[in-house]
Amino acid sequence: GHLPLPAKIVIEVQDLIESGEIAGGDIDVIHDKVLASLQGGVDR
């Protein structure tokens, strides 16, 4: 481990992806949607 620098930590929960969409969707498409959601949040 290490002693972490006191960087400001900001966390933002993104919009939910419904279980029905996950059940009926393509795995790659859902994966890309999650990545896009996270990257969009990180960029903001």
Full PDB file with SEQRES, HELIX, SHEET, SSBOND, CRYST1, ORIGX, SCALE, CONECT and MASTER records, all heavy atoms in Angstrom:
SEQRES   1 A   44  GLY HIS LEU PRO LEU PRO ALA LYS ILE VAL ILE GLU VAL          
SEQRES   2 A   44  GLN ASP LEU ILE GLU SER GLY GLU ILE ALA GLY GLY ASP          
SEQRES   3 A   44  ILE ASP VAL ILE HIS ASP LYS VAL LEU ALA SER LEU GLN          
SEQRES   4 A   44  GLY GLY VAL ASP ARG                                          
HELIX    1 AA1 SER A   19  GLY A   24  1                                   6    
HELIX    2 AA2 ILE A   27  ASP A   43  1                                  17    
CRYST1    1.000    1.000    1.000  90.00  90.00  90.00 P 1           1          
ORIGX1      1.000000  0.000000  0.000000        0.00000                         
ORIGX2      0.000000  1.000000  0.000000        0.00000                         
ORIGX3      0.000000  0.000000  1.000000        0.00000                         
SCALE1      1.000000  0.000000  0.000000        0.00000                         
SCALE2      0.000000  1.000000  0.000000        0.00000                         
SCALE3      0.000000  0.000000  1.000000        0.00000                         
ATOM      1  N   GLY A   1       0.814  -1.200   0.000  1.00  0.00           N  
ATOM      2  CA  GLY A   1       0.000   0.000   0.000  1.00  0.00           C  
ATOM      3  C   GLY A   1       0.851   1.255   0.000  1.00  0.00           C  
ATOM      4  O   GLY A   1       2.068   1.214  -0.182  1.00  0.00           O  
ATOM      5  N   HIS A   2       0.238   2.372   0.221  1.00  0.00           N  
ATOM      6  CA  HIS A   2       0.944   3.645   0.258  1.00  0.00           C  
ATOM      7  C   HIS A   2       0.077   4.660   0.988  1.00  0.00           C  
ATOM      8  O   HIS A   2      -1.113   4.407   1.239  1.00  0.00           O  
ATOM      9  CB  HIS A   2       1.262   4.144  -1.162  1.00  0.00           C  
ATOM     10  CG  HIS A   2       0.058   4.378  -2.004  1.00  0.00           C  
ATOM     11  ND1 HIS A   2      -0.549   3.376  -2.736  1.00  0.00           N  
ATOM     12  CD2 HIS A   2      -0.693   5.500  -2.230  1.00  0.00           C  
ATOM     13  CE1 HIS A   2      -1.598   3.860  -3.382  1.00  0.00           C  
ATOM     14  NE2 HIS A   2      -1.710   5.156  -3.078  1.00  0.00           N  
ATOM     15  N   LEU A   3       0.666   5.757   1.353  1.00  0.00           N  
ATOM     16  CA  LEU A   3      -0.087   6.850   1.962  1.00  0.00           C  
ATOM     17  C   LEU A   3      -0.638   7.715   0.838  1.00  0.00           C  
ATOM     18  O   LEU A   3       0.128   8.402   0.150  1.00  0.00           O  
ATOM     19  CB  LEU A   3       0.807   7.673   2.889  1.00  0.00           C  
ATOM     20  CG  LEU A   3       0.136   8.882   3.564  1.00  0.00           C  
ATOM     21  CD1 LEU A   3      -0.983   8.429   4.482  1.00  0.00           C  
ATOM     22  CD2 LEU A   3       1.175   9.706   4.329  1.00  0.00           C  
ATOM     23  N   PRO A   4      -1.942   7.708   0.626  1.00  0.00           N  
ATOM     24  CA  PRO A   4      -2.496   8.460  -0.506  1.00  0.00           C  
ATOM     25  C   PRO A   4      -2.418   9.958  -0.275  1.00  0.00           C  
ATOM     26  O   PRO A   4      -2.620  10.442   0.844  1.00  0.00           O  
ATOM     27  CB  PRO A   4      -3.949   7.980  -0.576  1.00  0.00           C  
ATOM     28  CG  PRO A   4      -4.262   7.540   0.815  1.00  0.00           C  
ATOM     29  CD  PRO A   4      -2.986   6.980   1.366  1.00  0.00           C  
ATOM     30  N   LEU A   5      -2.122  10.689  -1.330  1.00  0.00           N  
ATOM     31  CA  LEU A   5      -2.197  12.133  -1.269  1.00  0.00           C  
ATOM     32  C   LEU A   5      -3.659  12.545  -1.061  1.00  0.00           C  
ATOM     33  O   LEU A   5      -4.578  11.829  -1.485  1.00  0.00           O  
ATOM     34  CB  LEU A   5      -1.652  12.742  -2.560  1.00  0.00           C  
ATOM     35  CG  LEU A   5      -0.169  12.500  -2.858  1.00  0.00           C  
ATOM     36  CD1 LEU A   5       0.178  13.024  -4.253  1.00  0.00           C  
ATOM     37  CD2 LEU A   5       0.715  13.148  -1.803  1.00  0.00           C  
ATOM     38  N   PRO A   6      -3.895  13.688  -0.431  1.00  0.00           N  
ATOM     39  CA  PRO A   6      -5.268  14.107  -0.127  1.00  0.00           C  
ATOM     40  C   PRO A   6      -6.001  14.684  -1.337  1.00  0.00           C  
ATOM     41  O   PRO A   6      -6.465  15.828  -1.323  1.00  0.00           O  
ATOM     42  CB  PRO A   6      -5.072  15.156   0.969  1.00  0.00           C  
ATOM     43  CG  PRO A   6      -3.745  15.761   0.654  1.00  0.00           C  
ATOM     44  CD  PRO A   6      -2.897  14.615   0.147  1.00  0.00           C  
ATOM     45  N   ALA A   7      -6.087  13.893  -2.399  1.00  0.00           N  
ATOM     46  CA  ALA A   7      -6.777  14.348  -3.612  1.00  0.00           C  
ATOM     47  C   ALA A   7      -8.279  14.427  -3.359  1.00  0.00           C  
ATOM     48  O   ALA A   7      -8.847  13.601  -2.630  1.00  0.00           O  
ATOM     49  CB  ALA A   7      -6.489  13.386  -4.763  1.00  0.00           C  
ATOM     50  N   LYS A   8      -8.914  15.387  -3.971  1.00  0.00           N  
ATOM     51  CA  LYS A   8     -10.366  15.512  -3.847  1.00  0.00           C  
ATOM     52  C   LYS A   8     -11.031  14.396  -4.645  1.00  0.00           C  
ATOM     53  O   LYS A   8     -10.766  14.226  -5.839  1.00  0.00           O  
ATOM     54  CB  LYS A   8     -10.835  16.871  -4.356  1.00  0.00           C  
ATOM     55  CG  LYS A   8     -12.353  17.069  -4.242  1.00  0.00           C  
ATOM     56  CD  LYS A   8     -12.755  18.486  -4.617  1.00  0.00           C  
ATOM     57  CE  LYS A   8     -14.275  18.645  -4.573  1.00  0.00           C  
ATOM     58  NZ  LYS A   8     -14.839  18.394  -3.228  1.00  0.00           N  
ATOM     59  N   ILE A   9     -11.890  13.635  -3.988  1.00  0.00           N  
ATOM     60  CA  ILE A   9     -12.598  12.526  -4.613  1.00  0.00           C  
ATOM     61  C   ILE A   9     -14.029  12.955  -4.907  1.00  0.00           C  
ATOM     62  O   ILE A   9     -14.771  13.347  -3.999  1.00  0.00           O  
ATOM     63  CB  ILE A   9     -12.603  11.281  -3.707  1.00  0.00           C  
ATOM     64  CG1 ILE A   9     -11.172  10.875  -3.326  1.00  0.00           C  
ATOM     65  CG2 ILE A   9     -13.341  10.130  -4.389  1.00  0.00           C  
ATOM     66  CD1 ILE A   9     -10.291  10.526  -4.504  1.00  0.00           C  
ATOM     67  N   VAL A  10     -14.405  12.892  -6.175  1.00  0.00           N  
ATOM     68  CA  VAL A  10     -15.763  13.225  -6.587  1.00  0.00           C  
ATOM     69  C   VAL A  10     -16.356  12.005  -7.298  1.00  0.00           C  
ATOM     70  O   VAL A  10     -15.741  11.439  -8.197  1.00  0.00           O  
ATOM     71  CB  VAL A  10     -15.799  14.448  -7.523  1.00  0.00           C  
ATOM     72  CG1 VAL A  10     -17.250  14.840  -7.818  1.00  0.00           C  
ATOM     73  CG2 VAL A  10     -15.052  15.621  -6.909  1.00  0.00           C  
ATOM     74  N   ILE A  11     -17.549  11.618  -6.866  1.00  0.00           N  
ATOM     75  CA  ILE A  11     -18.227  10.440  -7.410  1.00  0.00           C  
ATOM     76  C   ILE A  11     -19.632  10.845  -7.834  1.00  0.00           C  
ATOM     77  O   ILE A  11     -20.319  11.578  -7.109  1.00  0.00           O  
ATOM     78  CB  ILE A  11     -18.296   9.308  -6.365  1.00  0.00           C  
ATOM     79  CG1 ILE A  11     -16.880   8.868  -5.971  1.00  0.00           C  
ATOM     80  CG2 ILE A  11     -19.094   8.121  -6.897  1.00  0.00           C  
ATOM     81  CD1 ILE A  11     -16.840   7.847  -4.852  1.00  0.00           C  
ATOM     82  N   GLU A  12     -20.032  10.388  -9.006  1.00  0.00           N  
ATOM     83  CA  GLU A  12     -21.371  10.709  -9.511  1.00  0.00           C  
ATOM     84  C   GLU A  12     -22.045   9.447 -10.038  1.00  0.00           C  
ATOM     85  O   GLU A  12     -21.523   8.781 -10.941  1.00  0.00           O  
ATOM     86  CB  GLU A  12     -21.287  11.753 -10.621  1.00  0.00           C  
ATOM     87  CG  GLU A  12     -22.648  12.183 -11.149  1.00  0.00           C  
ATOM     88  CD  GLU A  12     -22.527  13.145 -12.319  1.00  0.00           C  
ATOM     89  OE1 GLU A  12     -22.199  12.693 -13.438  1.00  0.00           O  
ATOM     90  OE2 GLU A  12     -22.735  14.348 -12.095  1.00  0.00           O  
ATOM     91  N   VAL A  13     -23.179   9.114  -9.460  1.00  0.00           N  
ATOM     92  CA  VAL A  13     -23.972   7.980  -9.920  1.00  0.00           C  
ATOM     93  C   VAL A  13     -24.686   8.376 -11.203  1.00  0.00           C  
ATOM     94  O   VAL A  13     -25.265   9.462 -11.298  1.00  0.00           O  
ATOM     95  CB  VAL A  13     -24.988   7.558  -8.843  1.00  0.00           C  
ATOM     96  CG1 VAL A  13     -25.839   6.394  -9.341  1.00  0.00           C  
ATOM     97  CG2 VAL A  13     -24.262   7.187  -7.544  1.00  0.00           C  
ATOM     98  N   GLN A  14     -24.647   7.469 -12.196  1.00  0.00           N  
ATOM     99  CA  GLN A  14     -25.245   7.740 -13.502  1.00  0.00           C  
ATOM    100  C   GLN A  14     -26.625   7.094 -13.615  1.00  0.00           C  
ATOM    101  O   GLN A  14     -27.084   6.394 -12.708  1.00  0.00           O  
ATOM    102  CB  GLN A  14     -24.318   7.219 -14.607  1.00  0.00           C  
ATOM    103  CG  GLN A  14     -22.886   7.691 -14.502  1.00  0.00           C  
ATOM    104  CD  GLN A  14     -22.747   9.198 -14.534  1.00  0.00           C  
ATOM    105  OE1 GLN A  14     -23.187   9.851 -15.479  1.00  0.00           O  
ATOM    106  NE2 GLN A  14     -22.149   9.771 -13.493  1.00  0.00           N  
ATOM    107  N   ASP A  15     -27.284   7.311 -14.729  1.00  0.00           N  
ATOM    108  CA  ASP A  15     -28.633   6.787 -14.934  1.00  0.00           C  
ATOM    109  C   ASP A  15     -28.643   5.259 -14.991  1.00  0.00           C  
ATOM    110  O   ASP A  15     -27.750   4.634 -15.574  1.00  0.00           O  
ATOM    111  CB  ASP A  15     -29.229   7.346 -16.228  1.00  0.00           C  
ATOM    112  CG  ASP A  15     -29.546   8.834 -16.119  1.00  0.00           C  
ATOM    113  OD1 ASP A  15     -29.786   9.308 -14.990  1.00  0.00           O  
ATOM    114  OD2 ASP A  15     -29.533   9.523 -17.165  1.00  0.00           O  
ATOM    115  N   LEU A  16     -29.677   4.702 -14.428  1.00  0.00           N  
ATOM    116  CA  LEU A  16     -29.854   3.249 -14.358  1.00  0.00           C  
ATOM    117  C   LEU A  16     -30.120   2.650 -15.742  1.00  0.00           C  
ATOM    118  O   LEU A  16     -30.781   3.273 -16.575  1.00  0.00           O  
ATOM    119  CB  LEU A  16     -31.008   2.961 -13.401  1.00  0.00           C  
ATOM    120  CG  LEU A  16     -31.495   1.530 -13.224  1.00  0.00           C  
ATOM    121  CD1 LEU A  16     -31.931   1.319 -11.769  1.00  0.00           C  
ATOM    122  CD2 LEU A  16     -32.694   1.245 -14.153  1.00  0.00           C  
ATOM    123  N   ILE A  17     -29.595   1.456 -15.953  1.00  0.00           N  
ATOM    124  CA  ILE A  17     -29.899   0.661 -17.152  1.00  0.00           C  
ATOM    125  C   ILE A  17     -30.807  -0.474 -16.704  1.00  0.00           C  
ATOM    126  O   ILE A  17     -30.412  -1.314 -15.903  1.00  0.00           O  
ATOM    127  CB  ILE A  17     -28.619   0.120 -17.813  1.00  0.00           C  
ATOM    128  CG1 ILE A  17     -27.684   1.278 -18.187  1.00  0.00           C  
ATOM    129  CG2 ILE A  17     -28.955  -0.722 -19.044  1.00  0.00           C  
ATOM    130  CD1 ILE A  17     -26.322   0.829 -18.698  1.00  0.00           C  
ATOM    131  N   GLU A  18     -32.032  -0.497 -17.204  1.00  0.00           N  
ATOM    132  CA  GLU A  18     -33.044  -1.426 -16.726  1.00  0.00           C  
ATOM    133  C   GLU A  18     -32.669  -2.882 -17.000  1.00  0.00           C  
ATOM    134  O   GLU A  18     -32.014  -3.196 -17.998  1.00  0.00           O  
ATOM    135  CB  GLU A  18     -34.387  -1.127 -17.393  1.00  0.00           C  
ATOM    136  CG  GLU A  18     -34.961   0.248 -17.065  1.00  0.00           C  
ATOM    137  CD  GLU A  18     -35.584   0.301 -15.676  1.00  0.00           C  
ATOM    138  OE1 GLU A  18     -35.599  -0.744 -14.992  1.00  0.00           O  
ATOM    139  OE2 GLU A  18     -36.042   1.392 -15.291  1.00  0.00           O  
ATOM    140  N   SER A  19     -33.139  -3.761 -16.118  1.00  0.00           N  
ATOM    141  CA  SER A  19     -32.851  -5.191 -16.270  1.00  0.00           C  
ATOM    142  C   SER A  19     -33.461  -5.744 -17.552  1.00  0.00           C  
ATOM    143  O   SER A  19     -32.887  -6.644 -18.178  1.00  0.00           O  
ATOM    144  CB  SER A  19     -33.377  -5.960 -15.057  1.00  0.00           C  
ATOM    145  OG  SER A  19     -34.773  -5.754 -14.884  1.00  0.00           O  
ATOM    146  N   GLY A  20     -34.616  -5.211 -17.970  1.00  0.00           N  
ATOM    147  CA  GLY A  20     -35.232  -5.682 -19.206  1.00  0.00           C  
ATOM    148  C   GLY A  20     -34.383  -5.376 -20.420  1.00  0.00           C  
ATOM    149  O   GLY A  20     -34.272  -6.205 -21.338  1.00  0.00           O  
ATOM    150  N   GLU A  21     -33.775  -4.208 -20.436  1.00  0.00           N  
ATOM    151  CA  GLU A  21     -32.879  -3.845 -21.534  1.00  0.00           C  
ATOM    152  C   GLU A  21     -31.652  -4.745 -21.545  1.00  0.00           C  
ATOM    153  O   GLU A  21     -31.179  -5.167 -22.615  1.00  0.00           O  
ATOM    154  CB  GLU A  21     -32.453  -2.384 -21.405  1.00  0.00           C  
ATOM    155  CG  GLU A  21     -31.518  -1.917 -22.517  1.00  0.00           C  
ATOM    156  CD  GLU A  21     -31.106  -0.465 -22.374  1.00  0.00           C  
ATOM    157  OE1 GLU A  21     -31.644   0.232 -21.500  1.00  0.00           O  
ATOM    158  OE2 GLU A  21     -30.237  -0.016 -23.158  1.00  0.00           O  
ATOM    159  N   ILE A  22     -31.146  -5.071 -20.381  1.00  0.00           N  
ATOM    160  CA  ILE A  22     -29.968  -5.951 -20.279  1.00  0.00           C  
ATOM    161  C   ILE A  22     -30.317  -7.359 -20.737  1.00  0.00           C  
ATOM    162  O   ILE A  22     -29.547  -8.001 -21.455  1.00  0.00           O  
ATOM    163  CB  ILE A  22     -29.446  -5.964 -18.829  1.00  0.00           C  
ATOM    164  CG1 ILE A  22     -28.970  -4.564 -18.422  1.00  0.00           C  
ATOM    165  CG2 ILE A  22     -28.315  -6.979 -18.667  1.00  0.00           C  
ATOM    166  CD1 ILE A  22     -28.696  -4.417 -16.945  1.00  0.00           C  
ATOM    167  N   ALA A  23     -31.497  -7.840 -20.347  1.00  0.00           N  
ATOM    168  CA  ALA A  23     -31.913  -9.198 -20.708  1.00  0.00           C  
ATOM    169  C   ALA A  23     -32.098  -9.351 -22.208  1.00  0.00           C  
ATOM    170  O   ALA A  23     -31.786 -10.399 -22.787  1.00  0.00           O  
ATOM    171  CB  ALA A  23     -33.202  -9.557 -19.977  1.00  0.00           C  
ATOM    172  N   GLY A  24     -32.626  -8.305 -22.848  1.00  0.00           N  
ATOM    173  CA  GLY A  24     -32.929  -8.407 -24.269  1.00  0.00           C  
ATOM    174  C   GLY A  24     -31.883  -7.830 -25.187  1.00  0.00           C  
ATOM    175  O   GLY A  24     -31.979  -7.977 -26.415  1.00  0.00           O  
ATOM    176  N   GLY A  25     -30.851  -7.194 -24.621  1.00  0.00           N  
ATOM    177  CA  GLY A  25     -29.857  -6.527 -25.446  1.00  0.00           C  
ATOM    178  C   GLY A  25     -28.612  -7.352 -25.691  1.00  0.00           C  
ATOM    179  O   GLY A  25     -28.357  -8.350 -25.010  1.00  0.00           O  
ATOM    180  N   ASP A  26     -27.845  -6.936 -26.659  1.00  0.00           N  
ATOM    181  CA  ASP A  26     -26.569  -7.573 -26.961  1.00  0.00           C  
ATOM    182  C   ASP A  26     -25.548  -7.180 -25.896  1.00  0.00           C  
ATOM    183  O   ASP A  26     -25.490  -6.030 -25.459  1.00  0.00           O  
ATOM    184  CB  ASP A  26     -26.094  -7.119 -28.342  1.00  0.00           C  
ATOM    185  CG  ASP A  26     -24.778  -7.749 -28.733  1.00  0.00           C  
ATOM    186  OD1 ASP A  26     -24.790  -8.880 -29.213  1.00  0.00           O  
ATOM    187  OD2 ASP A  26     -23.735  -7.080 -28.537  1.00  0.00           O  
ATOM    188  N   ILE A  27     -24.739  -8.135 -25.463  1.00  0.00           N  
ATOM    189  CA  ILE A  27     -23.774  -7.889 -24.391  1.00  0.00           C  
ATOM    190  C   ILE A  27     -22.827  -6.760 -24.772  1.00  0.00           C  
ATOM    191  O   ILE A  27     -22.521  -5.879 -23.957  1.00  0.00           O  
ATOM    192  CB  ILE A  27     -23.008  -9.181 -24.044  1.00  0.00           C  
ATOM    193  CG1 ILE A  27     -23.932 -10.130 -23.280  1.00  0.00           C  
ATOM    194  CG2 ILE A  27     -21.754  -8.862 -23.216  1.00  0.00           C  
ATOM    195  CD1 ILE A  27     -23.313 -11.446 -22.917  1.00  0.00           C  
ATOM    196  N   ASP A  28     -22.341  -6.768 -26.009  1.00  0.00           N  
ATOM    197  CA  ASP A  28     -21.409  -5.719 -26.443  1.00  0.00           C  
ATOM    198  C   ASP A  28     -22.074  -4.346 -26.421  1.00  0.00           C  
ATOM    199  O   ASP A  28     -21.436  -3.347 -26.051  1.00  0.00           O  
ATOM    200  CB  ASP A  28     -20.888  -6.019 -27.851  1.00  0.00           C  
ATOM    201  CG  ASP A  28     -19.927  -7.199 -27.882  1.00  0.00           C  
ATOM    202  OD1 ASP A  28     -19.346  -7.509 -26.832  1.00  0.00           O  
ATOM    203  OD2 ASP A  28     -19.765  -7.796 -28.958  1.00  0.00           O  
ATOM    204  N   VAL A  29     -23.333  -4.292 -26.798  1.00  0.00           N  
ATOM    205  CA  VAL A  29     -24.057  -3.019 -26.823  1.00  0.00           C  
ATOM    206  C   VAL A  29     -24.243  -2.494 -25.399  1.00  0.00           C  
ATOM    207  O   VAL A  29     -24.037  -1.298 -25.128  1.00  0.00           O  
ATOM    208  CB  VAL A  29     -25.411  -3.183 -27.532  1.00  0.00           C  
ATOM    209  CG1 VAL A  29     -26.255  -1.912 -27.388  1.00  0.00           C  
ATOM    210  CG2 VAL A  29     -25.202  -3.504 -29.010  1.00  0.00           C  
ATOM    211  N   ILE A  30     -24.638  -3.366 -24.483  1.00  0.00           N  
ATOM    212  CA  ILE A  30     -24.809  -2.954 -23.088  1.00  0.00           C  
ATOM    213  C   ILE A  30     -23.470  -2.525 -22.498  1.00  0.00           C  
ATOM    214  O   ILE A  30     -23.385  -1.496 -21.799  1.00  0.00           O  
ATOM    215  CB  ILE A  30     -25.412  -4.097 -22.251  1.00  0.00           C  
ATOM    216  CG1 ILE A  30     -26.775  -4.503 -22.797  1.00  0.00           C  
ATOM    217  CG2 ILE A  30     -25.519  -3.675 -20.788  1.00  0.00           C  
ATOM    218  CD1 ILE A  30     -27.807  -3.399 -22.783  1.00  0.00           C  
ATOM    219  N   HIS A  31     -22.417  -3.274 -22.793  1.00  0.00           N  
ATOM    220  CA  HIS A  31     -21.077  -2.923 -22.314  1.00  0.00           C  
ATOM    221  C   HIS A  31     -20.669  -1.543 -22.823  1.00  0.00           C  
ATOM    222  O   HIS A  31     -20.179  -0.704 -22.045  1.00  0.00           O  
ATOM    223  CB  HIS A  31     -20.083  -3.980 -22.804  1.00  0.00           C  
ATOM    224  CG  HIS A  31     -18.642  -3.637 -22.569  1.00  0.00           C  
ATOM    225  ND1 HIS A  31     -18.073  -3.580 -21.315  1.00  0.00           N  
ATOM    226  CD2 HIS A  31     -17.646  -3.323 -23.449  1.00  0.00           C  
ATOM    227  CE1 HIS A  31     -16.798  -3.258 -21.419  1.00  0.00           C  
ATOM    228  NE2 HIS A  31     -16.521  -3.088 -22.698  1.00  0.00           N  
ATOM    229  N   ASP A  32     -20.893  -1.292 -24.099  1.00  0.00           N  
ATOM    230  CA  ASP A  32     -20.544   0.014 -24.665  1.00  0.00           C  
ATOM    231  C   ASP A  32     -21.364   1.131 -24.023  1.00  0.00           C  
ATOM    232  O   ASP A  32     -20.862   2.249 -23.815  1.00  0.00           O  
ATOM    233  CB  ASP A  32     -20.763   0.013 -26.180  1.00  0.00           C  
ATOM    234  CG  ASP A  32     -19.740  -0.847 -26.921  1.00  0.00           C  
ATOM    235  OD1 ASP A  32     -18.693  -1.176 -26.325  1.00  0.00           O  
ATOM    236  OD2 ASP A  32     -19.999  -1.184 -28.096  1.00  0.00           O  
ATOM    237  N   LYS A  33     -22.617   0.837 -23.692  1.00  0.00           N  
ATOM    238  CA  LYS A  33     -23.469   1.841 -23.060  1.00  0.00           C  
ATOM    239  C   LYS A  33     -22.957   2.183 -21.663  1.00  0.00           C  
ATOM    240  O   LYS A  33     -22.952   3.359 -21.260  1.00  0.00           O  
ATOM    241  CB  LYS A  33     -24.910   1.343 -23.003  1.00  0.00           C  
ATOM    242  CG  LYS A  33     -25.881   2.366 -22.440  1.00  0.00           C  
ATOM    243  CD  LYS A  33     -27.329   1.912 -22.577  1.00  0.00           C  
ATOM    244  CE  LYS A  33     -28.285   2.995 -22.080  1.00  0.00           C  
ATOM    245  NZ  LYS A  33     -29.708   2.594 -22.287  1.00  0.00           N  
ATOM    246  N   VAL A  34     -22.528   1.161 -20.916  1.00  0.00           N  
ATOM    247  CA  VAL A  34     -21.984   1.394 -19.577  1.00  0.00           C  
ATOM    248  C   VAL A  34     -20.713   2.228 -19.666  1.00  0.00           C  
ATOM    249  O   VAL A  34     -20.533   3.207 -18.922  1.00  0.00           O  
ATOM    250  CB  VAL A  34     -21.704   0.057 -18.864  1.00  0.00           C  
ATOM    251  CG1 VAL A  34     -20.944   0.289 -17.556  1.00  0.00           C  
ATOM    252  CG2 VAL A  34     -23.002  -0.692 -18.588  1.00  0.00           C  
ATOM    253  N   LEU A  35     -19.806   1.856 -20.590  1.00  0.00           N  
ATOM    254  CA  LEU A  35     -18.567   2.611 -20.752  1.00  0.00           C  
ATOM    255  C   LEU A  35     -18.841   4.060 -21.142  1.00  0.00           C  
ATOM    256  O   LEU A  35     -18.205   4.987 -20.613  1.00  0.00           O  
ATOM    257  CB  LEU A  35     -17.676   1.950 -21.807  1.00  0.00           C  
ATOM    258  CG  LEU A  35     -16.984   0.641 -21.436  1.00  0.00           C  
ATOM    259  CD1 LEU A  35     -16.096   0.172 -22.581  1.00  0.00           C  
ATOM    260  CD2 LEU A  35     -16.164   0.781 -20.165  1.00  0.00           C  
ATOM    261  N   ALA A  36     -19.784   4.254 -22.057  1.00  0.00           N  
ATOM    262  CA  ALA A  36     -20.112   5.614 -22.491  1.00  0.00           C  
ATOM    263  C   ALA A  36     -20.693   6.432 -21.339  1.00  0.00           C  
ATOM    264  O   ALA A  36     -20.375   7.621 -21.184  1.00  0.00           O  
ATOM    265  CB  ALA A  36     -21.100   5.569 -23.657  1.00  0.00           C  
ATOM    266  N   SER A  37     -21.516   5.808 -20.526  1.00  0.00           N  
ATOM    267  CA  SER A  37     -22.096   6.487 -19.381  1.00  0.00           C  
ATOM    268  C   SER A  37     -21.014   6.890 -18.381  1.00  0.00           C  
ATOM    269  O   SER A  37     -20.987   8.031 -17.898  1.00  0.00           O  
ATOM    270  CB  SER A  37     -23.129   5.584 -18.704  1.00  0.00           C  
ATOM    271  OG  SER A  37     -23.648   6.179 -17.539  1.00  0.00           O  
ATOM    272  N   LEU A  38     -20.121   5.955 -18.095  1.00  0.00           N  
ATOM    273  CA  LEU A  38     -19.037   6.247 -17.153  1.00  0.00           C  
ATOM    274  C   LEU A  38     -18.087   7.311 -17.701  1.00  0.00           C  
ATOM    275  O   LEU A  38     -17.713   8.246 -16.981  1.00  0.00           O  
ATOM    276  CB  LEU A  38     -18.256   4.971 -16.840  1.00  0.00           C  
ATOM    277  CG  LEU A  38     -18.951   3.963 -15.932  1.00  0.00           C  
ATOM    278  CD1 LEU A  38     -18.146   2.667 -15.858  1.00  0.00           C  
ATOM    279  CD2 LEU A  38     -19.155   4.534 -14.538  1.00  0.00           C  
ATOM    280  N   GLN A  39     -17.702   7.173 -18.965  1.00  0.00           N  
ATOM    281  CA  GLN A  39     -16.777   8.140 -19.545  1.00  0.00           C  
ATOM    282  C   GLN A  39     -17.404   9.527 -19.603  1.00  0.00           C  
ATOM    283  O   GLN A  39     -16.731  10.537 -19.342  1.00  0.00           O  
ATOM    284  CB  GLN A  39     -16.336   7.689 -20.934  1.00  0.00           C  
ATOM    285  CG  GLN A  39     -15.186   8.508 -21.508  1.00  0.00           C  
ATOM    286  CD  GLN A  39     -13.916   8.353 -20.687  1.00  0.00           C  
ATOM    287  OE1 GLN A  39     -13.319   7.288 -20.632  1.00  0.00           O  
ATOM    288  NE2 GLN A  39     -13.487   9.431 -20.039  1.00  0.00           N  
ATOM    289  N   GLY A  40     -18.694   9.574 -19.915  1.00  0.00           N  
ATOM    290  CA  GLY A  40     -19.379  10.857 -19.923  1.00  0.00           C  
ATOM    291  C   GLY A  40     -19.390  11.494 -18.544  1.00  0.00           C  
ATOM    292  O   GLY A  40     -19.174  12.703 -18.392  1.00  0.00           O  
ATOM    293  N   GLY A  41     -19.638  10.684 -17.515  1.00  0.00           N  
ATOM    294  CA  GLY A  41     -19.622  11.196 -16.156  1.00  0.00           C  
ATOM    295  C   GLY A  41     -18.244  11.670 -15.740  1.00  0.00           C  
ATOM    296  O   GLY A  41     -18.092  12.740 -15.140  1.00  0.00           O  
ATOM    297  N   VAL A  42     -17.220  10.877 -16.057  1.00  0.00           N  
ATOM    298  CA  VAL A  42     -15.843  11.257 -15.722  1.00  0.00           C  
ATOM    299  C   VAL A  42     -15.456  12.552 -16.427  1.00  0.00           C  
ATOM    300  O   VAL A  42     -14.831  13.443 -15.834  1.00  0.00           O  
ATOM    301  CB  VAL A  42     -14.867  10.116 -16.091  1.00  0.00           C  
ATOM    302  CG1 VAL A  42     -13.423  10.596 -16.058  1.00  0.00           C  
ATOM    303  CG2 VAL A  42     -15.050   8.940 -15.136  1.00  0.00           C  
ATOM    304  N   ASP A  43     -15.830  12.673 -17.698  1.00  0.00           N  
ATOM    305  CA  ASP A  43     -15.491  13.890 -18.459  1.00  0.00           C  
ATOM    306  C   ASP A  43     -16.158  15.121 -17.846  1.00  0.00           C  
ATOM    307  O   ASP A  43     -15.540  16.196 -17.766  1.00  0.00           O  
ATOM    308  CB  ASP A  43     -15.910  13.725 -19.921  1.00  0.00           C  
ATOM    309  CG  ASP A  43     -15.051  12.721 -20.673  1.00  0.00           C  
ATOM    310  OD1 ASP A  43     -13.957  12.378 -20.172  1.00  0.00           O  
ATOM    311  OD2 ASP A  43     -15.476  12.281 -21.756  1.00  0.00           O  
ATOM    312  N   ARG A  44     -17.400  14.981 -17.424  1.00  0.00           N  
ATOM    313  CA  ARG A  44     -18.081  16.120 -16.793  1.00  0.00           C  
ATOM    314  C   ARG A  44     -17.407  16.524 -15.494  1.00  0.00           C  
ATOM    315  O   ARG A  44     -17.198  17.715 -15.219  1.00  0.00           O  
ATOM    316  CB  ARG A  44     -19.558  15.784 -16.532  1.00  0.00           C  
ATOM    317  CG  ARG A  44     -20.449  15.811 -17.748  1.00  0.00           C  
ATOM    318  CD  ARG A  44     -21.915  15.759 -17.365  1.00  0.00           C  
ATOM    319  NE  ARG A  44     -22.254  14.564 -16.588  1.00  0.00           N  
ATOM    320  CZ  ARG A  44     -22.563  13.396 -17.120  1.00  0.00           C  
ATOM    321  NH1 ARG A  44     -22.563  13.253 -18.444  1.00  0.00           N  
ATOM    322  NH2 ARG A  44     -22.871  12.362 -16.361  1.00  0.00           N  
TER     323      ARG A  44                                                      
MASTER        0    0    0    2    0    0    0    6  322    1    0    4          
END                                                                             
